Amino acid sequence: SSIRKDGSSVGTGNAGTNGMNGLRFAASDVVGQFGDVDICEFIIYEKALTESERDDLETYLKDKWGTA
């Protein structure tokens, strides 16, 4: 699993075979602490994307949301 921001990896890990129960976005492991973020869209895939697929996805999101 990986998290990317503006075309760069900002975190990786192993999600294993666990389900989505307990998945958190913009929160830390410390109760009551949350990030100051705006989340526009989540796209979840059942497989690792190729570099080409990831580039296409990032271009799509930049065009859709008007980000740099």
PDB file of N, CA and C in Angstrom:
ATOM      1  N   SER A   1       0.844  -1.176   0.000  1.00  0.00           N
ATOM      2  CA  SER A   1       0.000   0.000   0.000  1.00  0.00           C
ATOM      3  C   SER A   1       0.883   1.229   0.000  1.00  0.00           C
ATOM      4  N   SER A   2       0.389   2.290  -0.609  1.00  0.00           N
ATOM      5  CA  SER A   2       1.158   3.525  -0.604  1.00  0.00           C
ATOM      6  C   SER A   2       0.227   4.726  -0.628  1.00  0.00           C
ATOM      7  N   ILE A   3       0.765   5.830  -0.154  1.00  0.00           N
ATOM      8  CA  ILE A   3       0.050   7.097  -0.182  1.00  0.00           C
ATOM      9  C   ILE A   3       0.926   8.065  -0.959  1.00  0.00           C
ATOM     10  N   ARG A   4       0.309   8.770  -1.895  1.00  0.00           N
ATOM     11  CA  ARG A   4       1.061   9.721  -2.727  1.00  0.00           C
ATOM     12  C   ARG A   4       0.426  11.100  -2.604  1.00  0.00           C
ATOM     13  N   LYS A   5       1.263  12.110  -2.707  1.00  0.00           N
ATOM     14  CA  LYS A   5       0.789  13.495  -2.699  1.00  0.00           C
ATOM     15  C   LYS A   5       1.562  14.256  -3.759  1.00  0.00           C
ATOM     16  N   ASP A   6       0.845  14.894  -4.660  1.00  0.00           N
ATOM     17  CA  ASP A   6       1.452  15.705  -5.712  1.00  0.00           C
ATOM     18  C   ASP A   6       2.514  14.937  -6.491  1.00  0.00           C
ATOM     19  N   GLY A   7       2.235  13.676  -6.793  1.00  0.00           N
ATOM     20  CA  GLY A   7       3.129  12.878  -7.615  1.00  0.00           C
ATOM     21  C   GLY A   7       4.281  12.220  -6.893  1.00  0.00           C
ATOM     22  N   SER A   8       4.357  12.369  -5.573  1.00  0.00           N
ATOM     23  CA  SER A   8       5.462  11.778  -4.820  1.00  0.00           C
ATOM     24  C   SER A   8       4.934  10.883  -3.701  1.00  0.00           C
ATOM     25  N   SER A   9       5.660   9.816  -3.431  1.00  0.00           N
ATOM     26  CA  SER A   9       5.291   8.920  -2.339  1.00  0.00           C
ATOM     27  C   SER A   9       5.521   9.618  -1.002  1.00  0.00           C
ATOM     28  N   VAL A  10       4.523   9.554  -0.128  1.00  0.00           N
ATOM     29  CA  VAL A  10       4.667  10.129   1.213  1.00  0.00           C
ATOM     30  C   VAL A  10       4.508   9.077   2.298  1.00  0.00           C
ATOM     31  N   GLY A  11       4.268   7.826   1.896  1.00  0.00           N
ATOM     32  CA  GLY A  11       4.166   6.757   2.877  1.00  0.00           C
ATOM     33  C   GLY A  11       3.859   5.436   2.218  1.00  0.00           C
ATOM     34  N   THR A  12       4.405   4.372   2.780  1.00  0.00           N
ATOM     35  CA  THR A  12       4.142   3.035   2.276  1.00  0.00           C
ATOM     36  C   THR A  12       3.931   2.101   3.460  1.00  0.00           C
ATOM     37  N   GLY A  13       3.341   0.964   3.190  1.00  0.00           N
ATOM     38  CA  GLY A  13       3.118  -0.024   4.238  1.00  0.00           C
ATOM     39  C   GLY A  13       2.500  -1.264   3.641  1.00  0.00           C
ATOM     40  N   ASN A  14       2.112  -2.167   4.483  1.00  0.00           N
ATOM     41  CA  ASN A  14       1.505  -3.412   4.047  1.00  0.00           C
ATOM     42  C   ASN A  14       0.115  -3.502   4.661  1.00  0.00           C
ATOM     43  N   ALA A  15      -0.889  -3.344   3.825  1.00  0.00           N
ATOM     44  CA  ALA A  15      -2.270  -3.421   4.308  1.00  0.00           C
ATOM     45  C   ALA A  15      -2.678  -4.857   4.598  1.00  0.00           C
ATOM     46  N   GLY A  16      -1.906  -5.807   4.092  1.00  0.00           N
ATOM     47  CA  GLY A  16      -2.215  -7.208   4.345  1.00  0.00           C
ATOM     48  C   GLY A  16      -3.551  -7.619   3.780  1.00  0.00           C
ATOM     49  N   THR A  17      -4.198  -8.543   4.421  1.00  0.00           N
ATOM     50  CA  THR A  17      -5.492  -9.038   3.954  1.00  0.00           C
ATOM     51  C   THR A  17      -6.639  -8.524   4.814  1.00  0.00           C
ATOM     52  N   ASN A  18      -6.366  -7.560   5.672  1.00  0.00           N
ATOM     53  CA  ASN A  18      -7.418  -7.013   6.525  1.00  0.00           C
ATOM     54  C   ASN A  18      -8.423  -6.237   5.693  1.00  0.00           C
ATOM     55  N   GLY A  19      -9.635  -6.183   6.162  1.00  0.00           N
ATOM     56  CA  GLY A  19     -10.672  -5.415   5.493  1.00  0.00           C
ATOM     57  C   GLY A  19     -10.498  -3.930   5.757  1.00  0.00           C
ATOM     58  N   MET A  20     -11.450  -3.147   5.314  1.00  0.00           N
ATOM     59  CA  MET A  20     -11.398  -1.701   5.449  1.00  0.00           C
ATOM     60  C   MET A  20     -11.836  -1.232   6.833  1.00  0.00           C
ATOM     61  N   ASN A  21     -12.231  -2.110   7.724  1.00  0.00           N
ATOM     62  CA  ASN A  21     -12.671  -1.729   9.053  1.00  0.00           C
ATOM     63  C   ASN A  21     -11.557  -0.978   9.776  1.00  0.00           C
ATOM     64  N   GLY A  22     -11.837   0.220  10.226  1.00  0.00           N
ATOM     65  CA  GLY A  22     -10.863   0.986  10.972  1.00  0.00           C
ATOM     66  C   GLY A  22      -9.961   1.858  10.125  1.00  0.00           C
ATOM     67  N   LEU A  23     -10.163   1.914   8.827  1.00  0.00           N
ATOM     68  CA  LEU A  23      -9.352   2.750   7.959  1.00  0.00           C
ATOM     69  C   LEU A  23      -9.639   4.219   8.275  1.00  0.00           C
ATOM     70  N   ARG A  24      -8.565   4.992   8.486  1.00  0.00           N
ATOM     71  CA  ARG A  24      -8.725   6.410   8.828  1.00  0.00           C
ATOM     72  C   ARG A  24      -7.930   7.262   7.852  1.00  0.00           C
ATOM     73  N   PHE A  25      -8.475   8.394   7.514  1.00  0.00           N
ATOM     74  CA  PHE A  25      -7.785   9.366   6.671  1.00  0.00           C
ATOM     75  C   PHE A  25      -7.708  10.681   7.436  1.00  0.00           C
ATOM     76  N   ALA A  26      -6.589  11.356   7.324  1.00  0.00           N
ATOM     77  CA  ALA A  26      -6.368  12.661   7.950  1.00  0.00           C
ATOM     78  C   ALA A  26      -6.438  12.593   9.469  1.00  0.00           C
ATOM     79  N   ALA A  27      -6.072  11.462  10.029  1.00  0.00           N
ATOM     80  CA  ALA A  27      -6.039  11.312  11.480  1.00  0.00           C
ATOM     81  C   ALA A  27      -4.750  10.617  11.875  1.00  0.00           C
ATOM     82  N   SER A  28      -4.317  10.868  13.083  1.00  0.00           N
ATOM     83  CA  SER A  28      -3.112  10.206  13.573  1.00  0.00           C
ATOM     84  C   SER A  28      -3.516   9.068  14.493  1.00  0.00           C
ATOM     85  N   ASP A  29      -2.529   8.367  15.015  1.00  0.00           N
ATOM     86  CA  ASP A  29      -2.807   7.291  15.967  1.00  0.00           C
ATOM     87  C   ASP A  29      -3.175   7.830  17.342  1.00  0.00           C
ATOM     88  N   VAL A  30      -2.975   9.120  17.549  1.00  0.00           N
ATOM     89  CA  VAL A  30      -3.300   9.741  18.831  1.00  0.00           C
ATOM     90  C   VAL A  30      -4.762  10.174  18.794  1.00  0.00           C
ATOM     91  N   VAL A  31      -5.535   9.729  19.763  1.00  0.00           N
ATOM     92  CA  VAL A  31      -6.967  10.045  19.812  1.00  0.00           C
ATOM     93  C   VAL A  31      -7.161  11.558  19.824  1.00  0.00           C
ATOM     94  N   GLY A  32      -8.036  12.030  18.953  1.00  0.00           N
ATOM     95  CA  GLY A  32      -8.386  13.436  18.916  1.00  0.00           C
ATOM     96  C   GLY A  32      -7.481  14.312  18.069  1.00  0.00           C
ATOM     97  N   GLN A  33      -6.447  13.748  17.449  1.00  0.00           N
ATOM     98  CA  GLN A  33      -5.579  14.546  16.590  1.00  0.00           C
ATOM     99  C   GLN A  33      -5.900  14.262  15.125  1.00  0.00           C
ATOM    100  N   PHE A  34      -6.154  15.314  14.384  1.00  0.00           N
ATOM    101  CA  PHE A  34      -6.511  15.190  12.978  1.00  0.00           C
ATOM    102  C   PHE A  34      -5.673  16.146  12.150  1.00  0.00           C
ATOM    103  N   GLY A  35      -5.459  15.793  10.901  1.00  0.00           N
ATOM    104  CA  GLY A  35      -4.696  16.650  10.004  1.00  0.00           C
ATOM    105  C   GLY A  35      -5.541  17.787   9.474  1.00  0.00           C
ATOM    106  N   ASP A  36      -4.891  18.862   9.085  1.00  0.00           N
ATOM    107  CA  ASP A  36      -5.560  20.007   8.487  1.00  0.00           C
ATOM    108  C   ASP A  36      -5.479  19.827   6.977  1.00  0.00           C
ATOM    109  N   VAL A  37      -6.387  19.028   6.425  1.00  0.00           N
ATOM    110  CA  VAL A  37      -6.335  18.670   5.015  1.00  0.00           C
ATOM    111  C   VAL A  37      -7.712  18.795   4.374  1.00  0.00           C
ATOM    112  N   ASP A  38      -7.707  18.947   3.068  1.00  0.00           N
ATOM    113  CA  ASP A  38      -8.922  18.880   2.264  1.00  0.00           C
ATOM    114  C   ASP A  38      -8.796  17.641   1.391  1.00  0.00           C
ATOM    115  N   ILE A  39      -9.737  16.736   1.484  1.00  0.00           N
ATOM    116  CA  ILE A  39      -9.718  15.515   0.686  1.00  0.00           C
ATOM    117  C   ILE A  39     -10.863  15.605  -0.312  1.00  0.00           C
ATOM    118  N   CYS A  40     -10.513  15.519  -1.587  1.00  0.00           N
ATOM    119  CA  CYS A  40     -11.520  15.659  -2.637  1.00  0.00           C
ATOM    120  C   CYS A  40     -12.045  14.318  -3.124  1.00  0.00           C
ATOM    121  N   GLU A  41     -11.188  13.319  -3.131  1.00  0.00           N
ATOM    122  CA  GLU A  41     -11.588  12.054  -3.749  1.00  0.00           C
ATOM    123  C   GLU A  41     -10.655  10.933  -3.300  1.00  0.00           C
ATOM    124  N   PHE A  42     -11.230   9.765  -3.112  1.00  0.00           N
ATOM    125  CA  PHE A  42     -10.455   8.553  -2.850  1.00  0.00           C
ATOM    126  C   PHE A  42     -10.691   7.590  -3.990  1.00  0.00           C
ATOM    127  N   ILE A  43      -9.639   6.978  -4.460  1.00  0.00           N
ATOM    128  CA  ILE A  43      -9.753   5.928  -5.469  1.00  0.00           C
ATOM    129  C   ILE A  43      -8.970   4.740  -4.932  1.00  0.00           C
ATOM    130  N   ILE A  44      -9.645   3.629  -4.767  1.00  0.00           N
ATOM    131  CA  ILE A  44      -9.025   2.439  -4.192  1.00  0.00           C
ATOM    132  C   ILE A  44      -9.009   1.341  -5.243  1.00  0.00           C
ATOM    133  N   TYR A  45      -7.857   0.745  -5.435  1.00  0.00           N
ATOM    134  CA  TYR A  45      -7.686  -0.324  -6.412  1.00  0.00           C
ATOM    135  C   TYR A  45      -7.427  -1.646  -5.703  1.00  0.00           C
ATOM    136  N   GLU A  46      -7.752  -2.739  -6.366  1.00  0.00           N
ATOM    137  CA  GLU A  46      -7.516  -4.073  -5.834  1.00  0.00           C
ATOM    138  C   GLU A  46      -6.151  -4.611  -6.217  1.00  0.00           C
ATOM    139  N   LYS A  47      -5.350  -3.818  -6.873  1.00  0.00           N
ATOM    140  CA  LYS A  47      -4.027  -4.249  -7.308  1.00  0.00           C
ATOM    141  C   LYS A  47      -3.087  -3.055  -7.276  1.00  0.00           C
ATOM    142  N   ALA A  48      -1.808  -3.347  -7.288  1.00  0.00           N
ATOM    143  CA  ALA A  48      -0.830  -2.272  -7.395  1.00  0.00           C
ATOM    144  C   ALA A  48      -0.851  -1.745  -8.820  1.00  0.00           C
ATOM    145  N   LEU A  49      -0.854  -0.444  -8.969  1.00  0.00           N
ATOM    146  CA  LEU A  49      -0.854   0.152 -10.296  1.00  0.00           C
ATOM    147  C   LEU A  49       0.561   0.143 -10.870  1.00  0.00           C
ATOM    148  N   THR A  50       0.631   0.019 -12.173  1.00  0.00           N
ATOM    149  CA  THR A  50       1.918   0.167 -12.834  1.00  0.00           C
ATOM    150  C   THR A  50       2.296   1.647 -12.788  1.00  0.00           C
ATOM    151  N   GLU A  51       3.533   1.953 -13.069  1.00  0.00           N
ATOM    152  CA  GLU A  51       3.956   3.350 -13.075  1.00  0.00           C
ATOM    153  C   GLU A  51       3.158   4.149 -14.104  1.00  0.00           C
ATOM    154  N   SER A  52       2.898   3.558 -15.260  1.00  0.00           N
ATOM    155  CA  SER A  52       2.118   4.225 -16.301  1.00  0.00           C
ATOM    156  C   SER A  52       0.681   4.475 -15.842  1.00  0.00           C
ATOM    157  N   GLU A  53       0.056   3.472 -15.217  1.00  0.00           N
ATOM    158  CA  GLU A  53      -1.310   3.637 -14.710  1.00  0.00           C
ATOM    159  C   GLU A  53      -1.355   4.721 -13.634  1.00  0.00           C
ATOM    160  N   ARG A  54      -0.363   4.731 -12.764  1.00  0.00           N
ATOM    161  CA  ARG A  54      -0.302   5.737 -11.705  1.00  0.00           C
ATOM    162  C   ARG A  54      -0.127   7.133 -12.299  1.00  0.00           C
ATOM    163  N   ASP A  55       0.740   7.265 -13.298  1.00  0.00           N
ATOM    164  CA  ASP A  55       0.924   8.565 -13.954  1.00  0.00           C
ATOM    165  C   ASP A  55      -0.377   9.037 -14.599  1.00  0.00           C
ATOM    166  N   ASP A  56      -1.083   8.128 -15.269  1.00  0.00           N
ATOM    167  CA  ASP A  56      -2.368   8.472 -15.892  1.00  0.00           C
ATOM    168  C   ASP A  56      -3.378   8.914 -14.835  1.00  0.00           C
ATOM    169  N   LEU A  57      -3.436   8.210 -13.719  1.00  0.00           N
ATOM    170  CA  LEU A  57      -4.360   8.551 -12.644  1.00  0.00           C
ATOM    171  C   LEU A  57      -4.030   9.921 -12.061  1.00  0.00           C
ATOM    172  N   GLU A  58      -2.759  10.183 -11.822  1.00  0.00           N
ATOM    173  CA  GLU A  58      -2.369  11.470 -11.260  1.00  0.00           C
ATOM    174  C   GLU A  58      -2.677  12.615 -12.224  1.00  0.00           C
ATOM    175  N   THR A  59      -2.491  12.394 -13.517  1.00  0.00           N
ATOM    176  CA  THR A  59      -2.848  13.405 -14.517  1.00  0.00           C
ATOM    177  C   THR A  59      -4.348  13.652 -14.511  1.00  0.00           C
ATOM    178  N   TYR A  60      -5.131  12.577 -14.464  1.00  0.00           N
ATOM    179  CA  TYR A  60      -6.594  12.684 -14.402  1.00  0.00           C
ATOM    180  C   TYR A  60      -7.027  13.523 -13.194  1.00  0.00           C
ATOM    181  N   LEU A  61      -6.451  13.227 -12.030  1.00  0.00           N
ATOM    182  CA  LEU A  61      -6.848  13.948 -10.810  1.00  0.00           C
ATOM    183  C   LEU A  61      -6.410  15.417 -10.864  1.00  0.00           C
ATOM    184  N   LYS A  62      -5.221  15.692 -11.375  1.00  0.00           N
ATOM    185  CA  LYS A  62      -4.763  17.078 -11.505  1.00  0.00           C
ATOM    186  C   LYS A  62      -5.682  17.856 -12.428  1.00  0.00           C
ATOM    187  N   ASP A  63      -6.063  17.252 -13.551  1.00  0.00           N
ATOM    188  CA  ASP A  63      -6.961  17.909 -14.503  1.00  0.00           C
ATOM    189  C   ASP A  63      -8.353  18.112 -13.897  1.00  0.00           C
ATOM    190  N   LYS A  64      -8.840  17.104 -13.215  1.00  0.00           N
ATOM    191  CA  LYS A  64     -10.191  17.171 -12.645  1.00  0.00           C
ATOM    192  C   LYS A  64     -10.301  18.212 -11.545  1.00  0.00           C
ATOM    193  N   TRP A  65      -9.316  18.261 -10.641  1.00  0.00           N
ATOM    194  CA  TRP A  65      -9.388  19.104  -9.471  1.00  0.00           C
ATOM    195  C   TRP A  65      -8.599  20.405  -9.610  1.00  0.00           C
ATOM    196  N   GLY A  66      -7.919  20.592 -10.751  1.00  0.00           N
ATOM    197  CA  GLY A  66      -7.219  21.859 -10.976  1.00  0.00           C
ATOM    198  C   GLY A  66      -6.035  22.095 -10.060  1.00  0.00           C
ATOM    199  N   THR A  67      -5.334  21.038  -9.726  1.00  0.00           N
ATOM    200  CA  THR A  67      -4.155  21.178  -8.871  1.00  0.00           C
ATOM    201  C   THR A  67      -2.907  21.216  -9.728  1.00  0.00           C
ATOM    202  N   ALA A  68      -1.841  21.704  -9.135  1.00  0.00           N
ATOM    203  CA  ALA A  68      -0.574  21.830  -9.897  1.00  0.00           C
ATOM    204  C   ALA A  68       0.084  20.505 -10.122  1.00  0.00           C
TER     205      ALA A  68
END
